[in-house]
């Protein structure tokens, strides 16, 4: 189900956006689990949280964990955030 998609990390690493030291298989599994976790009503009650908000927050956290400074700057550019280093 997952590790075949681990190759998608390669381009980001080659472009200097993802850290060289990431374990692609573990992080691919983590992202799948995070996506499923957001759908768990015991963790995120639907009256309190919107699924889209949960997914965006988890993705932002995930991306900041795997990216380099160059990747962080690109994330901030897309989100239109100005942040000093």
Protein backbone atom coordinates (compact mmCIF):
# COMPACT_ATOMS: atom_id res chain seq x y z
CA UNK A 1 0.00 0.00 0.00
CA UNK A 2 2.69 2.55 0.79
CA UNK A 3 6.42 2.15 0.22
CA UNK A 4 6.07 2.12 -3.56
CA UNK A 5 5.32 5.84 -3.35
CA UNK A 6 8.52 6.58 -1.44
CA UNK A 7 10.20 7.51 -4.70
CA UNK A 8 8.18 10.72 -4.75
CA UNK A 9 10.52 12.06 -2.06
CA UNK A 10 13.45 11.82 -4.49
CA UNK A 11 12.62 14.93 -6.51
CA UNK A 12 12.23 17.04 -3.36
CA UNK A 13 15.57 15.78 -2.04
CA UNK A 14 17.29 16.44 -5.38
CA UNK A 15 15.90 19.96 -5.46
CA UNK A 16 17.14 20.61 -1.92
CA UNK A 17 13.61 21.00 -0.55
CA UNK A 18 13.54 17.85 1.62
CA UNK A 19 16.18 16.89 4.15
CA UNK A 20 18.70 14.25 3.04
CA UNK A 21 18.35 12.38 6.32
CA UNK A 22 14.65 11.54 6.16
CA UNK A 23 13.57 7.91 6.29
CA UNK A 24 11.21 7.85 3.31
CA UNK A 25 9.40 4.64 4.23
CA UNK A 26 8.69 5.70 7.81
CA UNK A 27 7.52 9.15 6.76
CA UNK A 28 5.28 7.79 4.00
CA UNK A 29 3.61 5.55 6.59
CA UNK A 30 3.37 8.44 9.06
CA UNK A 31 1.59 10.65 6.54
CA UNK A 32 -0.96 7.94 5.76
CA UNK A 33 -1.62 7.43 9.47
CA UNK A 34 -1.98 11.19 10.02
CA UNK A 35 -4.53 11.37 7.22
CA UNK A 36 -6.54 8.53 8.74
CA UNK A 37 -6.16 9.93 12.26
CA UNK A 38 -7.87 13.15 11.19
CA UNK A 39 -10.98 11.13 10.39
CA UNK A 40 -11.17 9.59 13.87
CA UNK A 41 -14.14 11.16 15.71
CA UNK A 42 -12.71 10.08 19.06
CA UNK A 43 -9.72 12.34 18.46
CA UNK A 44 -11.38 15.15 16.50
CA UNK A 45 -15.08 15.57 17.21
CA UNK A 46 -16.86 16.76 14.07
CA UNK A 47 -18.77 19.48 15.94
CA UNK A 48 -15.52 21.02 17.13
CA UNK A 49 -13.16 20.47 14.17
CA UNK A 50 -13.52 20.65 10.40
CA UNK A 51 -11.74 17.83 8.58
CA UNK A 52 -10.18 20.30 6.14
CA UNK A 53 -8.70 22.34 9.02
CA UNK A 54 -7.28 19.20 10.64
CA UNK A 55 -5.72 17.99 7.39
CA UNK A 56 -4.18 21.38 6.64
CA UNK A 57 -2.68 21.62 10.13
CA UNK A 58 -1.28 18.08 10.00
CA UNK A 59 0.14 18.60 6.51
CA UNK A 60 1.78 21.87 7.55
CA UNK A 61 3.36 20.16 10.55
CA UNK A 62 4.51 17.22 8.40
CA UNK A 63 6.01 19.39 5.67
CA UNK A 64 7.91 21.58 8.11
CA UNK A 65 9.38 18.40 9.59
CA UNK A 66 10.76 17.03 6.33
CA UNK A 67 11.84 20.20 4.55
CA UNK A 68 15.09 22.11 4.53
CA UNK A 69 15.30 25.87 5.04
CA UNK A 70 14.84 26.22 1.28
CA UNK A 71 11.68 24.12 1.56
CA UNK A 72 10.42 26.18 4.51
CA UNK A 73 10.87 29.35 2.47
CA UNK A 74 8.89 27.85 -0.41
CA UNK A 75 6.08 26.81 1.95
CA UNK A 76 5.98 30.34 3.35
CA UNK A 77 5.97 31.79 -0.17
CA UNK A 78 2.96 29.66 -1.13
CA UNK A 79 1.20 30.58 2.11
CA UNK A 80 2.19 34.25 1.63
CA UNK A 81 3.98 34.39 4.97
CA UNK A 82 7.01 36.62 5.54
CA UNK A 83 9.22 35.18 8.24
CA UNK A 84 12.73 36.13 9.25
CA UNK A 85 15.20 33.27 9.52
